[in-house]
Amino acid sequence: MLCLTISLHRRALLGSAVNFSGPLEYIEYQIKELANEEPDAFIVTGCEGEEKRQELQEILTRNKKRMVNKWTVSTTGITIFDERETEIGFDIPAVLVRSENDEIVIEDIF
C-alpha cells in the first residue's frame, strides 16, 4: 500500500501502486489482487498515451462491481445455482500520475 498525503474529510487516503507495464493480463491480475486490499485508489504510473489509458479503462470496466449468480457442478454433473446473488468486482478509482522534475503530477482520475 502507498500512503497518499492527500486528505479527505481529515482522513489519509491509502492507494495501491500499479506499474502499467508488461502484458495486459499481468496488469489486470495485479489490479485484481490489489483490490483485495481495499485501497481508496489505484495509483497508476506508466500509463501514458491514449491507447494505454483506454486499456486501463477497459480493465476497470471489466472488473466493475456487480451482482452475479454463482454456481457449482455436483458430482453427477448437475449445475446447482446459489440461492442468492453474489457481489463481485470492485469500484476503486485509478489516479494516473507521472514524475516530472522530481515532482509527482496527477494527470487524470478514472
PDB file of N, CA and C in Angstrom:
ATOM      1  N   MET A   1       0.835  -1.175   0.000  1.00  0.00           N
ATOM      2  CA  MET A   1       0.000   0.000   0.000  1.00  0.00           C
ATOM      3  C   MET A   1       0.881   1.240   0.000  1.00  0.00           C
ATOM      4  N   LEU A   2       0.397   2.253  -0.632  1.00  0.00           N
ATOM      5  CA  LEU A   2       1.093   3.522  -0.712  1.00  0.00           C
ATOM      6  C   LEU A   2       0.230   4.550  -0.008  1.00  0.00           C
ATOM      7  N   CYS A   3       0.781   5.279   0.933  1.00  0.00           N
ATOM      8  CA  CYS A   3       0.007   6.276   1.673  1.00  0.00           C
ATOM      9  C   CYS A   3       0.109   7.614   0.971  1.00  0.00           C
ATOM     10  N   LEU A   4      -1.011   8.173   0.590  1.00  0.00           N
ATOM     11  CA  LEU A   4      -1.032   9.472  -0.071  1.00  0.00           C
ATOM     12  C   LEU A   4      -1.083  10.574   0.965  1.00  0.00           C
ATOM     13  N   THR A   5      -0.520  11.705   0.616  1.00  0.00           N
ATOM     14  CA  THR A   5      -0.576  12.835   1.546  1.00  0.00           C
ATOM     15  C   THR A   5      -1.855  13.646   1.352  1.00  0.00           C
ATOM     16  N   ILE A   6      -2.681  13.240   0.406  1.00  0.00           N
ATOM     17  CA  ILE A   6      -3.962  13.903   0.202  1.00  0.00           C
ATOM     18  C   ILE A   6      -4.879  13.469   1.333  1.00  0.00           C
ATOM     19  N   SER A   7      -5.601  14.411   1.896  1.00  0.00           N
ATOM     20  CA  SER A   7      -6.555  14.005   2.930  1.00  0.00           C
ATOM     21  C   SER A   7      -7.951  14.423   2.503  1.00  0.00           C
ATOM     22  N   LEU A   8      -8.902  13.607   2.867  1.00  0.00           N
ATOM     23  CA  LEU A   8     -10.284  13.849   2.528  1.00  0.00           C
ATOM     24  C   LEU A   8     -11.078  13.690   3.811  1.00  0.00           C
ATOM     25  N   HIS A   9     -11.753  14.727   4.211  1.00  0.00           N
ATOM     26  CA  HIS A   9     -12.509  14.701   5.464  1.00  0.00           C
ATOM     27  C   HIS A   9     -11.597  14.305   6.628  1.00  0.00           C
ATOM     28  N   ARG A  10     -10.381  14.855   6.619  1.00  0.00           N
ATOM     29  CA  ARG A  10      -9.401  14.641   7.688  1.00  0.00           C
ATOM     30  C   ARG A  10      -8.983  13.179   7.832  1.00  0.00           C
ATOM     31  N   ARG A  11      -9.009  12.456   6.731  1.00  0.00           N
ATOM     32  CA  ARG A  11      -8.605  11.058   6.730  1.00  0.00           C
ATOM     33  C   ARG A  11      -7.592  10.851   5.610  1.00  0.00           C
ATOM     34  N   ALA A  12      -6.453  10.265   5.927  1.00  0.00           N
ATOM     35  CA  ALA A  12      -5.455   9.983   4.898  1.00  0.00           C
ATOM     36  C   ALA A  12      -5.989   8.895   3.972  1.00  0.00           C
ATOM     37  N   LEU A  13      -5.737   9.073   2.688  1.00  0.00           N
ATOM     38  CA  LEU A  13      -6.165   8.079   1.710  1.00  0.00           C
ATOM     39  C   LEU A  13      -5.059   7.058   1.496  1.00  0.00           C
ATOM     40  N   LEU A  14      -5.444   5.811   1.307  1.00  0.00           N
ATOM     41  CA  LEU A  14      -4.488   4.764   1.002  1.00  0.00           C
ATOM     42  C   LEU A  14      -4.634   4.370  -0.452  1.00  0.00           C
ATOM     43  N   GLY A  15      -3.507   4.310  -1.143  1.00  0.00           N
ATOM     44  CA  GLY A  15      -3.526   3.918  -2.537  1.00  0.00           C
ATOM     45  C   GLY A  15      -2.599   2.748  -2.783  1.00  0.00           C
ATOM     46  N   SER A  16      -2.961   1.919  -3.734  1.00  0.00           N
ATOM     47  CA  SER A  16      -2.113   0.803  -4.133  1.00  0.00           C
ATOM     48  C   SER A  16      -1.412   1.178  -5.428  1.00  0.00           C
ATOM     49  N   ALA A  17      -0.091   1.026  -5.456  1.00  0.00           N
ATOM     50  CA  ALA A  17       0.702   1.397  -6.623  1.00  0.00           C
ATOM     51  C   ALA A  17       0.604   0.338  -7.704  1.00  0.00           C
ATOM     52  N   VAL A  18       0.321   0.778  -8.936  1.00  0.00           N
ATOM     53  CA  VAL A  18       0.241  -0.098 -10.095  1.00  0.00           C
ATOM     54  C   VAL A  18       1.190   0.443 -11.150  1.00  0.00           C
ATOM     55  N   ASN A  19       2.127  -0.395 -11.605  1.00  0.00           N
ATOM     56  CA  ASN A  19       3.024  -0.016 -12.684  1.00  0.00           C
ATOM     57  C   ASN A  19       2.446  -0.577 -13.977  1.00  0.00           C
ATOM     58  N   PHE A  20       2.017   0.293 -14.878  1.00  0.00           N
ATOM     59  CA  PHE A  20       1.345  -0.110 -16.106  1.00  0.00           C
ATOM     60  C   PHE A  20       2.375  -0.477 -17.162  1.00  0.00           C
ATOM     61  N   SER A  21       3.015  -1.621 -16.965  1.00  0.00           N
ATOM     62  CA  SER A  21       3.968  -2.120 -17.955  1.00  0.00           C
ATOM     63  C   SER A  21       3.872  -3.632 -17.984  1.00  0.00           C
ATOM     64  N   GLY A  22       4.172  -4.198 -19.125  1.00  0.00           N
ATOM     65  CA  GLY A  22       4.077  -5.644 -19.275  1.00  0.00           C
ATOM     66  C   GLY A  22       2.780  -6.041 -19.949  1.00  0.00           C
ATOM     67  N   PRO A  23       2.537  -7.347 -20.027  1.00  0.00           N
ATOM     68  CA  PRO A  23       1.305  -7.837 -20.670  1.00  0.00           C
ATOM     69  C   PRO A  23       0.058  -7.373 -19.915  1.00  0.00           C
ATOM     70  N   LEU A  24      -1.011  -7.108 -20.663  1.00  0.00           N
ATOM     71  CA  LEU A  24      -2.251  -6.631 -20.052  1.00  0.00           C
ATOM     72  C   LEU A  24      -2.820  -7.636 -19.059  1.00  0.00           C
ATOM     73  N   GLU A  25      -2.646  -8.932 -19.328  1.00  0.00           N
ATOM     74  CA  GLU A  25      -3.139  -9.952 -18.405  1.00  0.00           C
ATOM     75  C   GLU A  25      -2.458  -9.812 -17.047  1.00  0.00           C
ATOM     76  N   TYR A  26      -1.171  -9.507 -17.059  1.00  0.00           N
ATOM     77  CA  TYR A  26      -0.429  -9.319 -15.814  1.00  0.00           C
ATOM     78  C   TYR A  26      -0.917  -8.076 -15.077  1.00  0.00           C
ATOM     79  N   ILE A  27      -1.135  -6.996 -15.817  1.00  0.00           N
ATOM     80  CA  ILE A  27      -1.603  -5.751 -15.201  1.00  0.00           C
ATOM     81  C   ILE A  27      -2.984  -5.956 -14.585  1.00  0.00           C
ATOM     82  N   GLU A  28      -3.873  -6.652 -15.308  1.00  0.00           N
ATOM     83  CA  GLU A  28      -5.211  -6.899 -14.783  1.00  0.00           C
ATOM     84  C   GLU A  28      -5.146  -7.779 -13.536  1.00  0.00           C
ATOM     85  N   TYR A  29      -4.301  -8.800 -13.548  1.00  0.00           N
ATOM     86  CA  TYR A  29      -4.133  -9.666 -12.374  1.00  0.00           C
ATOM     87  C   TYR A  29      -3.622  -8.845 -11.190  1.00  0.00           C
ATOM     88  N   GLN A  30      -2.654  -7.971 -11.452  1.00  0.00           N
ATOM     89  CA  GLN A  30      -2.086  -7.116 -10.401  1.00  0.00           C
ATOM     90  C   GLN A  30      -3.177  -6.231  -9.790  1.00  0.00           C
ATOM     91  N   ILE A  31      -4.008  -5.629 -10.620  1.00  0.00           N
ATOM     92  CA  ILE A  31      -5.081  -4.752 -10.132  1.00  0.00           C
ATOM     93  C   ILE A  31      -6.102  -5.544  -9.320  1.00  0.00           C
ATOM     94  N   LYS A  32      -6.469  -6.742  -9.790  1.00  0.00           N
ATOM     95  CA  LYS A  32      -7.435  -7.567  -9.056  1.00  0.00           C
ATOM     96  C   LYS A  32      -6.901  -7.956  -7.682  1.00  0.00           C
ATOM     97  N   GLU A  33      -5.631  -8.323  -7.617  1.00  0.00           N
ATOM     98  CA  GLU A  33      -5.042  -8.707  -6.332  1.00  0.00           C
ATOM     99  C   GLU A  33      -4.964  -7.508  -5.383  1.00  0.00           C
ATOM    100  N   LEU A  34      -4.605  -6.350  -5.911  1.00  0.00           N
ATOM    101  CA  LEU A  34      -4.530  -5.153  -5.075  1.00  0.00           C
ATOM    102  C   LEU A  34      -5.915  -4.725  -4.587  1.00  0.00           C
ATOM    103  N   ALA A  35      -6.950  -5.003  -5.377  1.00  0.00           N
ATOM    104  CA  ALA A  35      -8.319  -4.651  -4.973  1.00  0.00           C
ATOM    105  C   ALA A  35      -8.729  -5.405  -3.712  1.00  0.00           C
ATOM    106  N   ASN A  36      -8.149  -6.574  -3.484  1.00  0.00           N
ATOM    107  CA  ASN A  36      -8.460  -7.339  -2.271  1.00  0.00           C
ATOM    108  C   ASN A  36      -8.018  -6.610  -1.007  1.00  0.00           C
ATOM    109  N   GLU A  37      -7.052  -5.704  -1.138  1.00  0.00           N
ATOM    110  CA  GLU A  37      -6.578  -4.911  -0.001  1.00  0.00           C
ATOM    111  C   GLU A  37      -7.493  -3.720   0.298  1.00  0.00           C
ATOM    112  N   GLU A  38      -8.476  -3.498  -0.562  1.00  0.00           N
ATOM    113  CA  GLU A  38      -9.457  -2.418  -0.433  1.00  0.00           C
ATOM    114  C   GLU A  38      -8.824  -1.032  -0.286  1.00  0.00           C
ATOM    115  N   PRO A  39      -7.985  -0.636  -1.251  1.00  0.00           N
ATOM    116  CA  PRO A  39      -7.409   0.711  -1.181  1.00  0.00           C
ATOM    117  C   PRO A  39      -8.464   1.755  -1.555  1.00  0.00           C
ATOM    118  N   ASP A  40      -8.159   3.016  -1.261  1.00  0.00           N
ATOM    119  CA  ASP A  40      -9.050   4.101  -1.668  1.00  0.00           C
ATOM    120  C   ASP A  40      -8.906   4.407  -3.157  1.00  0.00           C
ATOM    121  N   ALA A  41      -7.739   4.116  -3.714  1.00  0.00           N
ATOM    122  CA  ALA A  41      -7.480   4.371  -5.132  1.00  0.00           C
ATOM    123  C   ALA A  41      -6.295   3.540  -5.594  1.00  0.00           C
ATOM    124  N   PHE A  42      -6.250   3.304  -6.909  1.00  0.00           N
ATOM    125  CA  PHE A  42      -5.063   2.732  -7.533  1.00  0.00           C
ATOM    126  C   PHE A  42      -4.214   3.904  -8.018  1.00  0.00           C
ATOM    127  N   ILE A  43      -2.936   3.922  -7.654  1.00  0.00           N
ATOM    128  CA  ILE A  43      -2.023   4.964  -8.109  1.00  0.00           C
ATOM    129  C   ILE A  43      -1.238   4.374  -9.269  1.00  0.00           C
ATOM    130  N   VAL A  44      -1.556   4.808 -10.489  1.00  0.00           N
ATOM    131  CA  VAL A  44      -1.037   4.171 -11.702  1.00  0.00           C
ATOM    132  C   VAL A  44       0.074   5.011 -12.313  1.00  0.00           C
ATOM    133  N   THR A  45       1.229   4.378 -12.519  1.00  0.00           N
ATOM    134  CA  THR A  45       2.340   5.022 -13.219  1.00  0.00           C
ATOM    135  C   THR A  45       2.579   4.285 -14.527  1.00  0.00           C
ATOM    136  N   GLY A  46       3.158   4.973 -15.488  1.00  0.00           N
ATOM    137  CA  GLY A  46       3.490   4.347 -16.766  1.00  0.00           C
ATOM    138  C   GLY A  46       2.311   4.208 -17.712  1.00  0.00           C
ATOM    139  N   CYS A  47       1.209   4.888 -17.429  1.00  0.00           N
ATOM    140  CA  CYS A  47       0.022   4.800 -18.282  1.00  0.00           C
ATOM    141  C   CYS A  47      -0.085   6.080 -19.107  1.00  0.00           C
ATOM    142  N   GLU A  48       0.886   6.258 -19.981  1.00  0.00           N
ATOM    143  CA  GLU A  48       0.926   7.479 -20.789  1.00  0.00           C
ATOM    144  C   GLU A  48       0.520   7.155 -22.211  1.00  0.00           C
ATOM    145  N   GLY A  49      -0.279   8.005 -22.769  1.00  0.00           N
ATOM    146  CA  GLY A  49      -0.777   7.802 -24.125  1.00  0.00           C
ATOM    147  C   GLY A  49      -2.221   7.337 -24.107  1.00  0.00           C
ATOM    148  N   GLU A  50      -2.943   7.695 -25.149  1.00  0.00           N
ATOM    149  CA  GLU A  50      -4.368   7.396 -25.236  1.00  0.00           C
ATOM    150  C   GLU A  50      -4.650   5.896 -25.276  1.00  0.00           C
ATOM    151  N   GLU A  51      -3.802   5.132 -25.952  1.00  0.00           N
ATOM    152  CA  GLU A  51      -4.011   3.684 -26.060  1.00  0.00           C
ATOM    153  C   GLU A  51      -3.933   2.999 -24.685  1.00  0.00           C
ATOM    154  N   LYS A  52      -2.926   3.358 -23.900  1.00  0.00           N
ATOM    155  CA  LYS A  52      -2.788   2.759 -22.571  1.00  0.00           C
ATOM    156  C   LYS A  52      -3.920   3.191 -21.644  1.00  0.00           C
ATOM    157  N   ARG A  53      -4.345   4.443 -21.766  1.00  0.00           N
ATOM    158  CA  ARG A  53      -5.466   4.910 -20.936  1.00  0.00           C
ATOM    159  C   ARG A  53      -6.741   4.137 -21.275  1.00  0.00           C
ATOM    160  N   GLN A  54      -6.950   3.870 -22.559  1.00  0.00           N
ATOM    161  CA  GLN A  54      -8.119   3.099 -22.990  1.00  0.00           C
ATOM    162  C   GLN A  54      -8.047   1.674 -22.445  1.00  0.00           C
ATOM    163  N   GLU A  55      -6.847   1.067 -22.473  1.00  0.00           N
ATOM    164  CA  GLU A  55      -6.671  -0.284 -21.935  1.00  0.00           C
ATOM    165  C   GLU A  55      -6.967  -0.317 -20.437  1.00  0.00           C
ATOM    166  N   LEU A  56      -6.501   0.693 -19.708  1.00  0.00           N
ATOM    167  CA  LEU A  56      -6.785   0.772 -18.275  1.00  0.00           C
ATOM    168  C   LEU A  56      -8.277   0.912 -18.040  1.00  0.00           C
ATOM    169  N   GLN A  57      -8.935   1.753 -18.808  1.00  0.00           N
ATOM    170  CA  GLN A  57     -10.377   1.942 -18.672  1.00  0.00           C
ATOM    171  C   GLN A  57     -11.115   0.634 -18.938  1.00  0.00           C
ATOM    172  N   GLU A  58     -10.671  -0.150 -19.909  1.00  0.00           N
ATOM    173  CA  GLU A  58     -11.301  -1.436 -20.210  1.00  0.00           C
ATOM    174  C   GLU A  58     -11.123  -2.424 -19.055  1.00  0.00           C
ATOM    175  N   ILE A  59      -9.944  -2.442 -18.449  1.00  0.00           N
ATOM    176  CA  ILE A  59      -9.700  -3.320 -17.300  1.00  0.00           C
ATOM    177  C   ILE A  59     -10.627  -2.945 -16.155  1.00  0.00           C
ATOM    178  N   LEU A  60     -10.736  -1.653 -15.857  1.00  0.00           N
ATOM    179  CA  LEU A  60     -11.601  -1.204 -14.762  1.00  0.00           C
ATOM    180  C   LEU A  60     -13.073  -1.503 -15.053  1.00  0.00           C
ATOM    181  N   THR A  61     -13.486  -1.352 -16.300  1.00  0.00           N
ATOM    182  CA  THR A  61     -14.874  -1.628 -16.680  1.00  0.00           C
ATOM    183  C   THR A  61     -15.181  -3.119 -16.567  1.00  0.00           C
ATOM    184  N   ARG A  62     -14.257  -3.958 -17.023  1.00  0.00           N
ATOM    185  CA  ARG A  62     -14.448  -5.413 -16.957  1.00  0.00           C
ATOM    186  C   ARG A  62     -14.593  -5.915 -15.525  1.00  0.00           C
ATOM    187  N   ASN A  63     -13.956  -5.236 -14.585  1.00  0.00           N
ATOM    188  CA  ASN A  63     -13.951  -5.676 -13.197  1.00  0.00           C
ATOM    189  C   ASN A  63     -14.815  -4.816 -12.292  1.00  0.00           C
ATOM    190  N   LYS A  64     -15.730  -4.066 -12.882  1.00  0.00           N
ATOM    191  CA  LYS A  64     -16.620  -3.197 -12.116  1.00  0.00           C
ATOM    192  C   LYS A  64     -17.502  -4.026 -11.181  1.00  0.00           C
ATOM    193  N   LYS A  65     -17.844  -3.462 -10.038  1.00  0.00           N
ATOM    194  CA  LYS A  65     -18.672  -4.136  -9.046  1.00  0.00           C
ATOM    195  C   LYS A  65     -20.036  -4.457  -9.649  1.00  0.00           C
ATOM    196  N   ARG A  66     -20.470  -5.713  -9.460  1.00  0.00           N
ATOM    197  CA  ARG A  66     -21.763  -6.148  -9.983  1.00  0.00           C
ATOM    198  C   ARG A  66     -22.237  -7.385  -9.223  1.00  0.00           C
ATOM    199  N   MET A  67     -23.507  -7.721  -9.389  1.00  0.00           N
ATOM    200  CA  MET A  67     -24.100  -8.896  -8.756  1.00  0.00           C
ATOM    201  C   MET A  67     -24.222 -10.007  -9.799  1.00  0.00           C
ATOM    202  N   VAL A  68     -23.829 -11.235  -9.433  1.00  0.00           N
ATOM    203  CA  VAL A  68     -23.911 -12.379 -10.336  1.00  0.00           C
ATOM    204  C   VAL A  68     -24.449 -13.591  -9.583  1.00  0.00           C
ATOM    205  N   ASN A  69     -24.991 -14.524 -10.338  1.00  0.00           N
ATOM    206  CA  ASN A  69     -25.410 -15.807  -9.772  1.00  0.00           C
ATOM    207  C   ASN A  69     -24.245 -16.776  -9.915  1.00  0.00           C
ATOM    208  N   LYS A  70     -23.686 -17.195  -8.806  1.00  0.00           N
ATOM    209  CA  LYS A  70     -22.623 -18.190  -8.845  1.00  0.00           C
ATOM    210  C   LYS A  70     -23.252 -19.574  -8.844  1.00  0.00           C
ATOM    211  N   TRP A  71     -22.481 -20.538  -9.307  1.00  0.00           N
ATOM    212  CA  TRP A  71     -22.995 -21.895  -9.378  1.00  0.00           C
ATOM    213  C   TRP A  71     -21.856 -22.890  -9.215  1.00  0.00           C
ATOM    214  N   THR A  72     -22.229 -24.105  -8.898  1.00  0.00           N
ATOM    215  CA  THR A  72     -21.277 -25.207  -8.796  1.00  0.00           C
ATOM    216  C   THR A  72     -21.853 -26.387  -9.563  1.00  0.00           C
ATOM    217  N   VAL A  73     -21.027 -27.362  -9.831  1.00  0.00           N
ATOM    218  CA  VAL A  73     -21.471 -28.570 -10.516  1.00  0.00           C
ATOM    219  C   VAL A  73     -21.372 -29.726  -9.524  1.00  0.00           C
ATOM    220  N   SER A  74     -22.460 -30.476  -9.397  1.00  0.00           N
ATOM    221  CA  SER A  74     -22.470 -31.603  -8.470  1.00  0.00           C
ATOM    222  C   SER A  74     -21.633 -32.749  -9.033  1.00  0.00           C
ATOM    223  N   THR A  75     -21.435 -33.762  -8.224  1.00  0.00           N
ATOM    224  CA  THR A  75     -20.639 -34.924  -8.676  1.00  0.00           C
ATOM    225  C   THR A  75     -21.330 -35.693  -9.784  1.00  0.00           C
ATOM    226  N   THR A  76     -22.633 -35.463  -9.961  1.00  0.00           N
ATOM    227  CA  THR A  76     -23.361 -36.129 -11.050  1.00  0.00           C
ATOM    228  C   THR A  76     -23.453 -35.248 -12.297  1.00  0.00           C
ATOM    229  N   GLY A  77     -22.819 -34.066 -12.255  1.00  0.00           N
ATOM    230  CA  GLY A  77     -22.787 -33.181 -13.417  1.00  0.00           C
ATOM    231  C   GLY A  77     -23.938 -32.206 -13.513  1.00  0.00           C
ATOM    232  N   ILE A  78     -24.723 -32.091 -12.459  1.00  0.00           N
ATOM    233  CA  ILE A  78     -25.861 -31.173 -12.464  1.00  0.00           C
ATOM    234  C   ILE A  78     -25.402 -29.810 -11.948  1.00  0.00           C
ATOM    235  N   THR A  79     -25.782 -28.760 -12.663  1.00  0.00           N
ATOM    236  CA  THR A  79     -25.449 -27.396 -12.263  1.00  0.00           C
ATOM    237  C   THR A  79     -26.378 -26.955 -11.140  1.00  0.00           C
ATOM    238  N   ILE A  80     -25.784 -26.484 -10.052  1.00  0.00           N
ATOM    239  CA  ILE A  80     -26.560 -26.020  -8.902  1.00  0.00           C
ATOM    240  C   ILE A  80     -26.254 -24.537  -8.705  1.00  0.00           C
ATOM    241  N   PHE A  81     -27.286 -23.702  -8.880  1.00  0.00           N
ATOM    242  CA  PHE A  81     -27.128 -22.260  -8.717  1.00  0.00           C
ATOM    243  C   PHE A  81     -27.296 -21.873  -7.257  1.00  0.00           C
ATOM    244  N   ASP A  82     -26.507 -20.898  -6.805  1.00  0.00           N
ATOM    245  CA  ASP A  82     -26.671 -20.371  -5.449  1.00  0.00           C
ATOM    246  C   ASP A  82     -28.034 -19.699  -5.340  1.00  0.00           C
ATOM    247  N   GLU A  83     -28.570 -19.678  -4.127  1.00  0.00           N
ATOM    248  CA  GLU A  83     -29.876 -19.069  -3.904  1.00  0.00           C
ATOM    249  C   GLU A  83     -29.835 -17.551  -4.019  1.00  0.00           C
ATOM    250  N   ARG A  84     -28.712 -16.963  -3.675  1.00  0.00           N
ATOM    251  CA  ARG A  84     -28.590 -15.506  -3.694  1.00  0.00           C
ATOM    252  C   ARG A  84     -27.499 -15.079  -4.663  1.00  0.00           C
ATOM    253  N   GLU A  85     -27.662 -13.869  -5.154  1.00  0.00           N
ATOM    254  CA  GLU A  85     -26.622 -13.293  -5.998  1.00  0.00           C
ATOM    255  C   GLU A  85     -25.426 -12.906  -5.135  1.00  0.00           C
ATOM    256  N   THR A  86     -24.250 -12.938  -5.727  1.00  0.00           N
ATOM    257  CA  THR A  86     -23.019 -12.596  -5.035  1.00  0.00           C
ATOM    258  C   THR A  86     -22.404 -11.371  -5.694  1.00  0.00           C
ATOM    259  N   GLU A  87     -21.907 -10.454  -4.873  1.00  0.00           N
ATOM    260  CA  GLU A  87     -21.253  -9.260  -5.406  1.00  0.00           C
ATOM    261  C   GLU A  87     -19.807  -9.593  -5.754  1.00  0.00           C
ATOM    262  N   ILE A  88     -19.412  -9.259  -6.973  1.00  0.00           N
ATOM    263  CA  ILE A  88     -18.028  -9.443  -7.387  1.00  0.00           C
ATOM    264  C   ILE A  88     -17.519  -8.137  -7.974  1.00  0.00           C
ATOM    265  N   GLY A  89     -16.223  -8.041  -8.157  1.00  0.00           N
ATOM    266  CA  GLY A  89     -15.618  -6.854  -8.739  1.00  0.00           C
ATOM    267  C   GLY A  89     -15.318  -5.793  -7.687  1.00  0.00           C
ATOM    268  N   PHE A  90     -14.994  -4.601  -8.164  1.00  0.00           N
ATOM    269  CA  PHE A  90     -14.636  -3.515  -7.261  1.00  0.00           C
ATOM    270  C   PHE A  90     -14.991  -2.181  -7.897  1.00  0.00           C
ATOM    271  N   ASP A  91     -15.073  -1.173  -7.065  1.00  0.00           N
ATOM    272  CA  ASP A  91     -15.377   0.188  -7.517  1.00  0.00           C
ATOM    273  C   ASP A  91     -14.324   1.112  -6.923  1.00  0.00           C
ATOM    274  N   ILE A  92     -13.108   0.984  -7.426  1.00  0.00           N
ATOM    275  CA  ILE A  92     -11.968   1.737  -6.913  1.00  0.00           C
ATOM    276  C   ILE A  92     -11.441   2.626  -8.041  1.00  0.00           C
ATOM    277  N   PRO A  93     -11.327   3.926  -7.820  1.00  0.00           N
ATOM    278  CA  PRO A  93     -10.836   4.811  -8.882  1.00  0.00           C
ATOM    279  C   PRO A  93      -9.341   4.641  -9.114  1.00  0.00           C
ATOM    280  N   ALA A  94      -8.914   5.008 -10.304  1.00  0.00           N
ATOM    281  CA  ALA A  94      -7.493   4.994 -10.656  1.00  0.00           C
ATOM    282  C   ALA A  94      -7.010   6.428 -10.811  1.00  0.00           C
ATOM    283  N   VAL A  95      -5.900   6.738 -10.173  1.00  0.00           N
ATOM    284  CA  VAL A  95      -5.281   8.053 -10.275  1.00  0.00           C
ATOM    285  C   VAL A  95      -4.016   7.890 -11.099  1.00  0.00           C
ATOM    286  N   LEU A  96      -3.962   8.553 -12.254  1.00  0.00           N
ATOM    287  CA  LEU A  96      -2.793   8.464 -13.117  1.00  0.00           C
ATOM    288  C   LEU A  96      -1.783   9.522 -12.710  1.00  0.00           C
ATOM    289  N   VAL A  97      -0.558   9.092 -12.449  1.00  0.00           N
ATOM    290  CA  VAL A  97       0.481  10.033 -12.051  1.00  0.00           C
ATOM    291  C   VAL A  97       1.716   9.842 -12.926  1.00  0.00           C
ATOM    292  N   ARG A  98       2.480  10.894 -13.020  1.00  0.00           N
ATOM    293  CA  ARG A  98       3.765  10.827 -13.721  1.00  0.00           C
ATOM    294  C   ARG A  98       4.758  11.680 -12.949  1.00  0.00           C
ATOM    295  N   SER A  99       6.012  11.353 -13.114  1.00  0.00           N
ATOM    296  CA  SER A  99       7.066  12.090 -12.424  1.00  0.00           C
ATOM    297  C   SER A  99       7.616  13.145 -13.379  1.00  0.00           C
ATOM    298  N   GLU A 100       7.742  14.356 -12.871  1.00  0.00           N
ATOM    299  CA  GLU A 100       8.246  15.448 -13.697  1.00  0.00           C
ATOM    300  C   GLU A 100       9.145  16.329 -12.840  1.00  0.00           C
ATOM    301  N   ASN A 101      10.434  16.334 -13.155  1.00  0.00           N
ATOM    302  CA  ASN A 101      11.399  17.130 -12.395  1.00  0.00           C
ATOM    303  C   ASN A 101      11.307  16.871 -10.896  1.00  0.00           C
ATOM    304  N   ASP A 102      11.326  15.608 -10.531  1.00  0.00           N
ATOM    305  CA  ASP A 102      11.265  15.174  -9.133  1.00  0.00           C
ATOM    306  C   ASP A 102       9.970  15.558  -8.430  1.00  0.00           C
ATOM    307  N   GLU A 103       8.922  15.833  -9.185  1.00  0.00           N
ATOM    308  CA  GLU A 103       7.616  16.105  -8.621  1.00  0.00           C
ATOM    309  C   GLU A 103       6.628  15.079  -9.169  1.00  0.00           C
ATOM    310  N   ILE A 104       5.655  14.714  -8.367  1.00  0.00           N
ATOM    311  CA  ILE A 104       4.605  13.821  -8.837  1.00  0.00           C
ATOM    312  C   ILE A 104       3.446  14.679  -9.299  1.00  0.00           C
ATOM    313  N   VAL A 105       3.035  14.459 -10.549  1.00  0.00           N
ATOM    314  CA  VAL A 105       1.953  15.234 -11.150  1.00  0.00           C
ATOM    315  C   VAL A 105       0.769  14.323 -11.374  1.00  0.00           C
ATOM    316  N   ILE A 106      -0.408  14.696 -10.848  1.00  0.00           N
ATOM    317  CA  ILE A 106      -1.621  13.922 -11.099  1.00  0.00           C
ATOM    318  C   ILE A 106      -2.137  14.321 -12.470  1.00  0.00           C
ATOM    319  N   GLU A 107      -2.208  13.323 -13.360  1.00  0.00           N
ATOM    320  CA  GLU A 107      -2.660  13.572 -14.721  1.00  0.00           C
ATOM    321  C   GLU A 107      -4.174  13.464 -14.880  1.00  0.00           C
ATOM    322  N   ASP A 108      -4.738  12.416 -14.308  1.00  0.00           N
ATOM    323  CA  ASP A 108      -6.151  12.147 -14.543  1.00  0.00           C
ATOM    324  C   ASP A 108      -6.661  11.203 -13.462  1.00  0.00           C
ATOM    325  N   ILE A 109      -7.955  11.175 -13.299  1.00  0.00           N
ATOM    326  CA  ILE A 109      -8.597  10.248 -12.374  1.00  0.00           C
ATOM    327  C   ILE A 109      -9.734   9.560 -13.109  1.00  0.00           C
ATOM    328  N   PHE A 110      -9.726   8.229 -13.105  1.00  0.00           N
ATOM    329  CA  PHE A 110     -10.801   7.448 -13.733  1.00  0.00           C
ATOM    330  C   PHE A 110     -11.748   7.002 -12.664  1.00  0.00           C
TER     331      PHE A 110
END
